[in-house]
Structure formats: structure tokens, C-alpha cells
Protein backbone atom coordinates (compact mmCIF):
# COMPACT_ATOMS: atom_id res chain seq x y z
CA MET A 1 -15.57 -14.69 -12.14
CA THR A 2 -19.23 -13.71 -12.61
CA SER A 3 -19.95 -17.40 -11.68
CA PHE A 4 -19.14 -16.84 -7.79
CA LEU A 5 -21.64 -13.46 -8.32
CA GLN A 6 -24.77 -15.38 -8.95
CA HIS A 7 -26.69 -14.75 -5.86
CA LYS A 8 -29.48 -11.65 -6.45
CA ILE A 9 -27.92 -9.59 -3.99
CA PHE A 10 -24.66 -8.47 -5.83
CA LYS A 11 -26.54 -7.42 -8.78
CA ILE A 12 -28.60 -5.59 -6.30
CA VAL A 13 -25.89 -3.71 -5.13
CA SER A 14 -24.46 -3.27 -8.51
CA ASP A 15 -27.49 -1.47 -10.09
CA ILE A 16 -27.77 0.59 -6.81
CA ALA A 17 -24.33 1.70 -7.22
CA ALA A 18 -24.30 2.64 -10.32
CA HIS A 19 -27.50 4.95 -9.88
CA GLU A 20 -26.13 6.61 -6.86
CA GLY A 21 -22.76 7.20 -8.64
CA VAL A 22 -20.73 5.21 -6.03
CA GLN A 23 -18.13 2.26 -7.28
CA ALA A 24 -18.59 -1.14 -5.08
CA PHE A 25 -16.71 -4.23 -4.73
CA VAL A 26 -16.96 -7.73 -2.78
CA ILE A 27 -13.83 -8.12 -0.63
CA GLY A 28 -12.50 -10.52 1.80
CA GLY A 29 -13.53 -13.74 2.74
CA TYR A 30 -15.99 -14.13 0.51
CA VAL A 31 -14.40 -13.81 -2.15
CA ARG A 32 -11.28 -15.80 -0.80
CA ASP A 33 -13.66 -19.01 0.11
CA CYS A 34 -14.75 -18.53 -3.75
CA PHE A 35 -11.80 -19.80 -4.95
CA LEU A 36 -11.33 -22.49 -1.82
CA GLN A 37 -14.30 -23.61 -3.01
CA ARG A 38 -16.10 -23.02 0.66
CA PRO A 39 -19.05 -22.56 1.43
CA SER A 40 -19.88 -18.87 2.68
CA LYS A 41 -22.80 -16.76 4.32
CA ASP A 42 -20.97 -13.46 4.75
CA ILE A 43 -20.25 -10.87 2.08
CA ASP A 44 -18.69 -7.80 2.90
CA ILE A 45 -19.52 -5.21 0.49
CA VAL A 46 -16.69 -2.35 -0.02
CA VAL A 47 -18.27 1.23 -1.51
CA GLN A 48 -15.97 3.95 -2.77
CA GLY A 49 -18.59 6.98 -0.73
CA SER A 50 -20.61 5.93 1.91
CA GLY A 51 -21.37 2.61 2.53
CA VAL A 52 -24.26 2.95 4.90
CA ALA A 53 -26.08 5.23 2.42
CA ILE A 54 -25.52 2.25 -0.22
CA ALA A 55 -27.03 -0.50 2.45
CA GLU A 56 -29.77 1.84 3.29
CA LYS A 57 -30.52 1.99 -0.42
CA VAL A 58 -30.11 -2.10 -0.39
CA ALA A 59 -32.55 -2.67 2.35
CA ALA A 60 -35.03 -0.32 1.34
CA TYR A 61 -35.39 -2.04 -1.70
CA LEU A 62 -35.25 -5.29 -0.44
CA LYS A 63 -37.90 -4.22 2.54
CA THR A 64 -35.53 -5.63 4.95
CA PRO A 65 -34.11 -4.47 8.75
CA LEU A 66 -31.13 -2.75 8.37
CA SER A 67 -28.34 -2.65 11.48
CA VAL A 68 -26.49 0.93 11.26
CA PHE A 69 -23.17 0.81 13.65
CA LYS A 70 -22.29 4.44 13.48
CA THR A 71 -19.08 4.08 15.69
CA TYR A 72 -17.73 1.71 12.70
CA GLY A 73 -19.42 3.25 9.83
CA THR A 74 -20.65 0.10 8.91
CA ALA A 75 -24.44 -1.29 8.09
CA MET A 76 -25.36 -5.35 7.99
CA LEU A 77 -28.30 -6.75 6.76
CA ARG A 78 -29.99 -9.98 5.54
CA CYS A 79 -30.62 -11.15 2.65
CA ASP A 80 -32.20 -14.93 2.22
CA ASP A 81 -29.56 -17.03 4.54
CA MET A 82 -26.81 -14.68 3.64
CA GLU A 83 -25.48 -11.88 6.11
CA ILE A 84 -24.13 -8.90 4.06
CA GLU A 85 -22.40 -6.00 5.66
CA PHE A 86 -21.62 -2.74 4.48
CA VAL A 87 -18.56 -0.13 5.17
CA GLY A 88 -17.05 3.17 2.96
CA ALA A 89 -13.37 1.92 1.90
CA ARG A 90 -10.93 3.78 4.05
CA ARG A 91 -7.36 4.14 5.26
CA GLU A 92 -6.21 3.31 8.74
CA SER A 93 -3.21 4.51 10.82
CA TYR A 94 -2.77 3.23 14.71
CA HIS A 95 -2.13 4.77 17.89
CA LEU A 96 1.20 2.17 19.65
CA GLN A 97 -1.48 1.71 22.74
CA SER A 98 -4.31 0.75 21.01
CA ARG A 99 -5.17 -1.64 18.00
CA LYS A 100 -8.27 0.61 17.31
CA PRO A 101 -7.29 2.33 14.16
CA MET A 102 -8.23 6.45 13.35
CA VAL A 103 -10.71 5.98 10.08
CA GLU A 104 -10.44 8.38 7.02
CA ASP A 105 -12.04 7.89 3.42
CA GLY A 106 -9.92 6.25 1.36
CA THR A 107 -9.65 4.52 -2.00
CA LEU A 108 -10.47 0.50 -2.76
CA GLU A 109 -6.38 0.11 -3.36
CA ASP A 110 -6.38 1.72 0.60
CA ASP A 111 -8.79 -0.78 1.97
CA GLN A 112 -6.98 -3.67 0.25
CA ARG A 113 -3.51 -2.16 1.47
CA ARG A 114 -4.97 -2.57 5.21
CA ARG A 115 -6.07 -6.17 4.97
CA ASP A 116 -4.58 -8.70 7.38
CA PHE A 117 -3.30 -11.38 4.90
CA THR A 118 -2.85 -11.01 0.38
CA ILE A 119 -6.12 -14.01 0.42
CA ASN A 120 -8.45 -11.13 2.14
CA ALA A 121 -7.47 -8.38 0.03
CA LEU A 122 -8.98 -9.72 -2.99
CA ALA A 123 -12.15 -8.18 -4.48
CA PHE A 124 -14.89 -8.27 -7.63
CA SER A 125 -15.83 -5.62 -9.00
CA LEU A 126 -19.35 -5.23 -9.36
CA GLN A 127 -19.59 -1.99 -11.58
CA GLN A 128 -21.72 -3.00 -14.70
CA GLU A 129 -18.87 -2.48 -17.07
CA ASN A 130 -16.55 -4.96 -15.39
CA TYR A 131 -18.42 -6.90 -13.24
CA GLY A 132 -16.80 -9.85 -11.86
CA LEU A 133 -13.80 -8.73 -12.85
CA LEU A 134 -11.02 -10.06 -10.02
CA ILE A 135 -8.57 -6.90 -8.53
CA ASP A 136 -5.65 -8.90 -6.83
CA PRO A 137 -2.84 -5.83 -6.63
CA PHE A 138 -1.15 -8.61 -4.02
CA ASN A 139 -1.01 -12.29 -5.83
CA GLY A 140 -3.31 -13.06 -3.53
CA VAL A 141 -4.79 -15.71 -5.75
CA GLY A 142 -1.11 -17.04 -6.28
CA ASP A 143 -1.05 -17.10 -2.22
CA LEU A 144 -4.29 -19.23 -2.29
CA GLN A 145 -2.57 -21.90 -4.85
CA GLN A 146 0.39 -22.08 -3.03
CA GLY A 147 -0.74 -22.29 0.53
CA LEU A 148 0.36 -19.26 1.43
CA LEU A 149 -0.15 -16.88 4.32
CA ARG A 150 1.63 -13.54 3.95
CA THR A 151 0.39 -9.70 4.36
CA PRO A 152 0.25 -7.50 1.68
CA LEU A 153 2.54 -4.77 3.81
CA ASP A 154 5.44 -4.98 5.24
CA PRO A 155 4.46 -7.52 8.67
CA ASP A 156 6.14 -5.39 11.20
CA ILE A 157 3.49 -2.65 10.73
CA THR A 158 0.48 -5.08 9.98
CA TYR A 159 1.38 -6.99 13.07
CA SER A 160 2.58 -4.21 15.28
CA ASP A 161 -0.61 -1.96 14.39
CA ASP A 162 -3.55 -4.60 14.89
CA PRO A 163 -1.55 -7.73 16.81
CA LEU A 164 -4.76 -9.82 17.11
CA ARG A 165 -3.65 -10.25 13.34
CA MET A 166 -0.98 -12.51 14.94
CA LEU A 167 -3.27 -15.00 16.06
CA ARG A 168 -5.76 -14.88 12.90
CA ALA A 169 -2.53 -15.39 10.79
CA ILE A 170 -1.92 -18.67 13.05
CA ARG A 171 -5.84 -19.45 12.79
CA PHE A 172 -5.82 -19.15 9.27
CA ALA A 173 -2.92 -21.46 9.24
CA ALA A 174 -4.74 -24.48 11.15
CA GLN A 175 -7.92 -23.73 9.64
CA LEU A 176 -6.68 -24.03 6.02
CA GLY A 177 -3.84 -26.02 6.10
CA PHE A 178 -1.80 -22.83 4.81
CA THR A 179 1.96 -22.09 5.78
CA ILE A 180 3.06 -18.59 6.82
CA VAL A 181 5.61 -17.61 5.22
CA PRO A 182 9.07 -17.40 6.81
CA GLU A 183 9.47 -13.33 6.93
CA SER A 184 5.44 -13.20 8.30
CA LEU A 185 6.34 -15.70 10.79
CA GLN A 186 9.73 -14.52 11.96
CA ALA A 187 7.54 -10.74 12.85
CA ILE A 188 4.95 -12.41 14.80
CA GLN A 189 7.82 -13.63 16.88
CA ARG A 190 9.16 -9.96 17.14
CA ASN A 191 6.05 -8.21 17.51
CA ARG A 192 4.56 -10.53 20.29
CA GLU A 193 4.80 -8.50 23.01
CA ARG A 194 2.13 -6.50 21.76
CA ILE A 195 -0.46 -8.81 22.09
CA SER A 196 -1.02 -7.37 25.63
CA ILE A 197 -2.88 -5.00 23.95
CA VAL A 198 -5.64 -7.54 22.38
CA SER A 199 -9.06 -7.84 24.82
CA PRO A 200 -9.16 -11.24 26.28
CA GLU A 201 -12.10 -12.05 24.79
CA ARG A 202 -10.60 -11.19 21.05
CA ILE A 203 -7.36 -13.57 22.01
CA SER A 204 -10.19 -15.90 23.30
CA ASP A 205 -12.64 -16.08 20.66
CA GLU A 206 -9.23 -17.03 18.05
CA ILE A 207 -8.26 -20.02 20.12
CA MET A 208 -11.56 -21.18 20.24
CA LYS A 209 -11.11 -20.98 16.57
CA ILE A 210 -7.98 -22.38 16.46
CA MET A 211 -9.60 -25.75 18.98
CA ALA A 212 -12.66 -26.18 16.13
CA THR A 213 -10.22 -26.84 13.58
CA GLU A 214 -9.43 -30.62 12.16
CA LYS A 215 -5.81 -30.71 13.60
CA PRO A 216 -5.72 -27.64 16.10
CA SER A 217 -1.87 -29.01 17.11
CA LYS A 218 -0.84 -27.04 14.08
CA GLY A 219 -2.25 -24.03 15.95
CA PHE A 220 -0.75 -24.54 18.80
CA TYR A 221 2.96 -25.41 17.92
CA LEU A 222 2.68 -22.38 15.70
CA LEU A 223 2.10 -19.90 18.95
CA ASP A 224 4.69 -21.88 20.51
CA ASP A 225 7.06 -21.29 17.69
CA THR A 226 6.12 -17.54 17.59
CA SER A 227 6.29 -17.25 21.41
CA LEU A 228 2.60 -16.46 21.80
CA LEU A 229 1.70 -19.60 23.73
CA ASN A 230 3.64 -18.59 27.27
CA LEU A 231 2.21 -15.09 27.13
CA ILE A 232 -1.67 -16.78 26.41
CA ILE A 233 -1.65 -19.85 28.13
CA PRO A 234 1.50 -20.20 30.31
CA GLN A 235 0.59 -23.28 32.25
CA LEU A 236 -0.07 -25.12 28.33
CA SER A 237 4.33 -23.92 27.41
CA ASN A 238 5.23 -25.15 30.97
CA LEU A 239 4.82 -28.47 29.85
CA LYS A 240 7.48 -28.29 27.14
CA GLY A 241 10.60 -30.38 27.39
CA VAL A 242 12.32 -33.73 28.83
CA GLU A 243 14.00 -33.87 32.13
CA ILE A 244 16.61 -37.10 32.09
CA ILE A 245 17.93 -37.84 36.04
CA LYS A 246 20.63 -41.38 35.64
CA GLY A 247 19.61 -42.15 32.06
CA CYS A 248 15.93 -42.02 32.90
CA GLY A 249 13.62 -39.37 31.38
CA HIS A 250 9.97 -38.87 30.66
CA LYS A 251 8.07 -38.27 27.89
CA ASP A 252 7.58 -34.67 26.80
CA ASN A 253 4.31 -33.95 27.79
CA PHE A 254 3.31 -30.98 25.99
CA VAL A 255 3.73 -33.10 22.74
CA HIS A 256 1.75 -35.90 23.91
CA THR A 257 -1.16 -32.91 25.11
CA LEU A 258 -1.30 -32.01 21.22
CA GLU A 259 -1.25 -35.65 19.81
CA VAL A 260 -4.13 -36.51 22.36
CA LEU A 261 -5.78 -32.99 21.40
CA ASP A 262 -5.64 -34.49 17.61
CA ASN A 263 -6.79 -37.65 18.90
CA VAL A 264 -9.85 -36.34 20.36
CA ALA A 265 -10.63 -33.94 17.45
CA ALA A 266 -10.77 -36.90 15.58
CA LYS A 267 -13.48 -38.42 16.89
CA SER A 268 -15.57 -35.46 18.39
CA ASP A 269 -16.41 -31.93 17.74
CA HIS A 270 -17.30 -31.34 21.31
CA ILE A 271 -15.20 -28.33 21.88
CA TRP A 272 -15.32 -28.62 25.34
CA LEU A 273 -13.82 -32.34 25.35
CA ARG A 274 -11.27 -31.14 23.54
CA TRP A 275 -10.45 -28.19 26.09
CA ALA A 276 -10.73 -31.30 28.21
CA ALA A 277 -8.06 -32.97 26.17
CA LEU A 278 -5.25 -30.02 25.99
CA LEU A 279 -5.57 -29.39 29.78
CA HIS A 280 -5.75 -32.77 30.82
CA ASP A 281 -1.93 -32.98 31.84
CA ILE A 282 -1.74 -29.32 33.07
CA ALA A 283 -0.61 -29.90 36.63
CA LYS A 284 2.28 -32.38 35.50
CA PRO A 285 5.14 -29.94 35.53
CA ALA A 286 4.02 -28.67 39.37
CA THR A 287 3.57 -32.52 40.25
CA LYS A 288 6.71 -34.23 38.51
CA HIS A 289 8.76 -36.16 40.94
CA TYR A 290 12.15 -38.54 40.70
CA ASP A 291 12.63 -41.52 42.54
CA ASP A 292 15.54 -44.28 41.83
CA ALA A 293 12.90 -46.99 42.17
CA ALA A 294 10.41 -46.07 40.31
CA GLY A 295 11.45 -43.01 37.46
CA TRP A 296 9.19 -40.55 36.95
CA SER A 297 5.86 -39.81 38.57
CA PHE A 298 3.36 -37.29 38.15
CA HIS A 299 0.83 -38.45 41.45
CA GLY A 300 -1.88 -36.15 41.80
CA HIS A 301 -1.99 -34.36 38.65
CA GLU A 302 -5.24 -35.55 37.69
CA PHE A 303 -7.01 -33.34 41.10
CA LEU A 304 -4.31 -30.47 40.84
CA GLY A 305 -5.16 -30.27 36.81
CA ALA A 306 -8.66 -29.71 37.96
CA LYS A 307 -8.25 -27.20 40.88
CA MET A 308 -6.15 -25.28 38.04
CA ILE A 309 -8.91 -24.83 35.42
CA PRO A 310 -10.88 -22.37 36.86
CA ALA A 311 -7.77 -19.57 36.84
CA ILE A 312 -7.00 -20.90 32.97
CA PHE A 313 -11.03 -20.22 32.14
CA ARG A 314 -10.62 -17.12 33.75
CA ASN A 315 -7.88 -15.64 32.01
CA LEU A 316 -8.88 -16.50 28.54
CA ARG A 317 -12.60 -15.20 29.90
CA LEU A 318 -14.01 -18.72 28.56
CA PRO A 319 -17.92 -19.90 29.97
CA GLN A 320 -17.77 -20.12 33.90
CA HIS A 321 -20.27 -22.88 35.58
CA ASP A 322 -21.45 -25.82 33.99
CA THR A 323 -19.00 -25.61 30.91
CA MET A 324 -15.94 -25.59 33.49
CA ARG A 325 -17.05 -28.12 35.82
CA TYR A 326 -17.80 -30.34 32.60
CA VAL A 327 -13.73 -29.66 31.96
CA GLN A 328 -12.85 -29.84 35.67
CA LYS A 329 -14.34 -33.35 35.99
CA LEU A 330 -12.91 -34.55 32.61
CA VAL A 331 -9.60 -34.02 34.13
CA ARG A 332 -10.40 -35.25 37.17
CA LEU A 333 -11.46 -38.52 36.63
CA HIS A 334 -9.05 -38.89 33.17
CA LEU A 335 -7.02 -41.68 34.93
CA ARG A 336 -9.88 -43.60 36.30
CA PRO A 337 -10.69 -45.68 33.16
CA ILE A 338 -6.92 -46.05 32.46
CA VAL A 339 -6.52 -47.44 36.23
CA LEU A 340 -9.43 -49.73 35.53
CA SER A 341 -8.27 -51.11 32.36
CA GLN A 342 -4.51 -52.18 34.76
CA GLU A 343 -6.79 -54.01 37.44
CA GLU A 344 -9.51 -56.55 37.75
CA VAL A 345 -12.13 -54.57 36.85
CA THR A 346 -14.92 -54.65 39.66
CA ASP A 347 -18.69 -53.88 39.79
CA SER A 348 -17.75 -51.63 43.23
CA ALA A 349 -14.87 -49.86 40.97
CA VAL A 350 -17.77 -49.12 37.42
CA ARG A 351 -20.28 -48.24 39.63
CA ARG A 352 -18.31 -45.66 41.17
CA LEU A 353 -16.55 -44.68 38.25
CA LEU A 354 -20.68 -44.19 37.06
CA PHE A 355 -21.59 -42.72 39.85
CA ASP A 356 -18.92 -40.08 39.48
CA ALA A 357 -19.08 -39.32 35.69
CA GLY A 358 -22.55 -39.56 34.80
CA ASP A 359 -23.48 -38.45 31.84
CA ASP A 360 -20.44 -38.00 30.74
CA ILE A 361 -18.93 -41.28 30.91
CA ASP A 362 -18.67 -42.25 27.45
CA GLU A 363 -16.71 -38.37 26.32
CA LEU A 364 -14.36 -39.44 29.63
CA MET A 365 -13.88 -42.99 27.84
CA LEU A 366 -13.24 -41.25 24.91
CA LEU A 367 -10.34 -38.78 26.53
CA CYS A 368 -8.74 -41.93 27.83
CA GLU A 369 -8.50 -43.60 24.48
CA ALA A 370 -6.99 -40.59 23.37
CA ASP A 371 -4.62 -40.75 25.74
CA ILE A 372 -3.05 -43.74 24.51
CA THR A 373 -0.16 -42.19 22.42
CA SER A 374 2.62 -45.39 22.66
CA LYS A 375 4.76 -45.58 19.30
CA ASN A 376 4.62 -49.04 20.36
CA GLU A 377 1.41 -50.51 18.46
CA GLN A 378 1.90 -54.20 20.87
CA THR A 379 0.83 -51.51 24.08
CA VAL A 380 -1.49 -49.33 22.01
CA ARG A 381 -3.55 -52.76 21.22
CA ARG A 382 -3.40 -54.49 24.65
CA HIS A 383 -4.65 -50.86 26.27
CA LEU A 384 -7.33 -50.50 23.97
CA ARG A 385 -8.24 -54.19 23.88
CA ASN A 386 -8.14 -53.75 28.38
CA PHE A 387 -10.85 -50.61 27.09
CA ASN A 388 -13.30 -52.59 25.47
CA ILE A 389 -13.39 -54.77 28.48
CA VAL A 390 -14.05 -51.78 31.11
CA ARG A 391 -16.74 -50.34 28.21
CA GLU A 392 -18.41 -53.73 28.12
CA LYS A 393 -18.78 -53.71 31.84
CA LEU A 394 -19.80 -49.67 31.99
CA VAL A 395 -23.05 -51.00 29.85
CA GLU A 396 -23.33 -54.44 31.84
CA VAL A 397 -23.41 -52.51 35.43
CA GLU A 398 -25.60 -49.59 34.00
CA ALA A 399 -28.08 -51.84 32.52
CA LYS A 400 -28.41 -53.71 36.15
CA ASP A 401 -27.53 -51.05 38.75
CA ALA A 402 -28.67 -47.71 36.54
CA VAL A 403 -25.68 -46.06 38.26
CA ARG A 404 -25.27 -43.21 35.71
CA ASN A 405 -27.93 -40.96 37.11
CA PHE A 406 -28.28 -42.61 40.57
CA GLN A 407 -30.40 -41.35 42.97
CA PRO A 408 -30.32 -42.33 46.98
CA PRO A 409 -33.55 -44.03 47.75
CA ILE A 410 -32.79 -42.05 51.39
CA THR A 411 -32.72 -38.58 51.27
CA GLY A 412 -31.43 -35.72 53.42
CA GLU A 413 -34.89 -34.12 54.30
CA MET A 414 -36.09 -37.93 54.88
CA ILE A 415 -32.85 -38.43 57.65
CA MET A 416 -34.05 -35.24 59.22
CA GLN A 417 -37.66 -35.73 59.04
CA ARG A 418 -37.39 -39.43 60.79
CA TYR A 419 -34.95 -38.21 62.98
CA ASN A 420 -36.25 -35.10 63.68
CA ILE A 421 -32.96 -33.19 63.51
CA PRO A 422 -31.24 -30.29 61.51
CA PRO A 423 -29.11 -29.94 58.50
CA SER A 424 -25.64 -31.67 60.10
CA ARG A 425 -22.59 -34.08 60.25
CA GLU A 426 -25.00 -36.95 61.18
CA VAL A 427 -26.90 -36.15 58.19
CA GLY A 428 -24.05 -36.54 55.94
CA VAL A 429 -22.66 -40.01 57.58
CA ILE A 430 -25.47 -41.26 56.83
CA LYS A 431 -26.11 -40.73 53.31
CA ASP A 432 -22.68 -41.01 52.34
CA THR A 433 -22.75 -44.22 54.50
CA ILE A 434 -26.08 -45.59 51.92
CA LYS A 435 -24.53 -44.32 49.28
CA ASP A 436 -21.04 -45.91 49.57
CA ALA A 437 -23.11 -49.22 50.18
CA ILE A 438 -25.47 -49.31 47.20
CA LEU A 439 -22.08 -48.79 45.38
CA ASP A 440 -19.64 -51.02 46.60
CA GLY A 441 -22.78 -53.51 46.11
CA ILE A 442 -23.45 -54.37 50.02
CA ILE A 443 -27.50 -53.25 49.77
CA HIS A 444 -29.15 -52.97 46.59
CA ASN A 445 -30.29 -49.56 45.29
CA ASN A 446 -33.86 -49.67 47.21
CA TYR A 447 -35.68 -48.24 49.76
CA GLU A 448 -36.23 -51.53 52.02
CA GLU A 449 -32.61 -51.79 52.32
CA ALA A 450 -31.45 -48.03 52.22
CA LEU A 451 -33.80 -47.70 55.20
CA LYS A 452 -32.88 -50.56 57.27
CA LEU A 453 -29.33 -49.41 56.63
CA MET A 454 -30.34 -45.66 57.87
CA GLU A 455 -31.66 -47.17 61.31
CA GLU A 456 -29.18 -49.05 61.66
CA LYS A 457 -26.54 -45.80 61.41
CA ALA A 458 -28.73 -43.55 62.80
CA LYS A 459 -28.66 -46.07 65.84
CA GLU A 460 -24.70 -46.06 65.95
CA LEU A 461 -24.22 -43.09 66.04
CA GLY A 462 -26.84 -42.41 69.07
CA LEU A 463 -30.21 -41.00 67.00
CA GLU A 464 -32.14 -43.14 68.64
């Protein structure tokens, strides 16, 4: 296995460990990724002894800065483009109400036993007498070859001790395309309530990694199968199911949502566009209505959905401000291009869509196209053909009217100065009148026509 240990850092650690009379090993993700032939820049070194002491010697040799984390007994340095973390081999025990372990010195075997999965318990020896020897006490290589995720110990113990490992199992399954073995999947379901002791930030971090995978739906189906989803994002879990009245049923909006998410993921790595896809129908359960004549409807779900997003982001400790507003905007607008594609595409409607979407119009259109999940190929082709018409009209109107970053030629300050009035309802009325007139094509987007309309409206409001 020495072919996996060509970087100079491994020989340096090996020599220093031998000089200091301790044993050192490469362990965890780097070893796993060697077998998966995946690039890895993070190296974990476990030392049977003081990991920090060896890290200090290595840092001194390399003449590079060292970060020491005394609370955790770890140290980290950089070498070329690699990040190397050192820790002493340890064994752990846990309190019921905390995922922070009590730690004591241990052996390599102790350290491997405490790992989350067999594929992360693999180690390479850095001893000079057996340099590169693979140490695999739990058949992690076999699990890698079969694409399986299992825990080194009883999964109930592993997941109860540190419930974050339940999310890590699901994340690895989604990232690697692996299967969680049945006994481990069942243990996650049994221990799901333990997720309550994990901080929202750590939960959010794992969800973000699931969202970034090639096919995020796999992770969310596993979250649902293990009953974790309704503890983490209950609004998403509420989308599940089909209700039938008088033989008329609506589609399963949970399944539809994950199809839309995968469709977006196939076209874009934009993580917040993926979040918009995940949440675009989030308000359908609250707006669901059945009518004998029209069947099922979800009127206003886009507006209510946009209002629900701040609470979801807050609970998951996701970024607020611009990021959240971006997702809100796409959720609020996601039906607009669909409506346009079903009607005659007027310049006025296109101007308003461009004005409301701004620079996010292309991502909005991608979301809307991803929202077509019909199994009827003829229906899909018709919708996509109509969306192409909308896209062509967007380009045409933008080139002609420059509405995407529209700034009305008459500002509120100009209105207040012209009529010597403070901020007031009248100022807003005049501004909206000018904006609407330009977007509706009544006047052109220029100062002269806007000034004339301002004067007409001001006179109507009694400001002259």
C-alpha cells in the first residue's frame, strides 16, 4: 500500500515517530478515499502516544505554523496543499445527555473501534518495519468493495453514543452511493430521538452536504425511512402522502419535490437554488383544497411558502439575509413562468417577471423547468417547448427595455424635492404609477415621459 503514501509528509512523520519511539498511523477518510480513488487533501494521523508532541516535531522540521487544540488534544498543520491533523490514540465513553465523550489514552485498536463506520476505521502503518501495511480489523475494505455502510460496534451503541453518526451514515450513503446495512438502518430508526442532543449547526452541516451530492433525493428518502426527517424538517415530511376524494387524488408532493430537487441538481451546483427546489412546494399541505368542479388546488402556496422559509432557515441555523431572501424569491415566483408558458406571452407580463426576478431570472427558469415531473412525455415536451418561447421573449424584452436591473427614471427624492413634501403615501403612489406604466408599456423607460406622468399624477393627488 506504499503507493498511497508517496507524499513527503508520510515519510517525515514516520521518521520522527521512530526517533521518538512511538507508533503512528494514517487513519480514516484519507485511507478510505485511496481505495475509492477519490482525491483527498485531509490526512488524519493517530499516534500511540502524544499526537500533539509529534505534531510539534513535524511542524518544527517543516518550519510551518501549528494550530494546537488543547481541549480536544489535537493539532493541525499544513504541508503543500494537504491539511494534516494529529491526535493521540484514544478510547471513549459517553454520558447519556451528551455526544461529547470522556477520553482516555488507548491503542490503535481502541481508536479504530470508536470510529463511526468500518470504511472509516481503515489505517496504514507508518512504522519503518511495515510501512504502508493496511490494518483493517473490521473488513472495511470488503464493505468498500460491496458499497456497504456498517458500524464497527453494535450500531445501537454507536448511534446512541454520538447521534450525529446517524446523519453521517445517511450523508455517506448519498455521497458515495452506498447502502446502509439493514441492522444499521433499523438502529438509526430506533435511536432517532437521540438527534435532539445534536446542535442545529451540526445537523445543518450534514444536511448541506447531502444537498451538495449528485442525487440529493437519496439522502432525503433515507431521512424519511429512518423517521429523522420529521424531527429535522417536519414541513418537508408533511408533504408526504396522497389524499383521494371521490376518486380524485393529487400527486405525492414529497416525491414530486425530490424529483424537482434531483432535476435541479443535474443542471446546477448552486446550493441555494437546490434549497429553493426543496422548499418550492412547502406550503402545499396548508393550502390544499378540494372542489367537486375543479378537483384539488393549492392556491397561494407560493406566497405562503415564501413566508414559511425564515422559520425553516432559523431552525436549521442556515444563513439569513440575502441567502434566505434569494430562496424566498424563487419560491414566491416559481409559478410565474409556468403561468406565462400557458398563456399568450405579452411584453408586459415578461417585463414584470424580469423586474421581479432581476438577475435571478435564469435560475428561476431552471427551477421551473425542473418542476415538470410528468411521466407523460408529450406533456413534458409541450411544457418545455412553451418555456423556450418564454425564454426567447425574456431575451427579446430584456434587449429592448433593459428591465432586469430596472431603475425608474424618477426617484422618491426627486418627487419630494419637486413638490417640497416629506416622505409620504403620495410619494409612493407616484413612484408606483411610473413603475407600473413602464412595466405595462404605457410609457417608455425614459426621464421625459416619466416626468410628464409624474406631473399628471401629482396634479391628480392635489400636489400642484
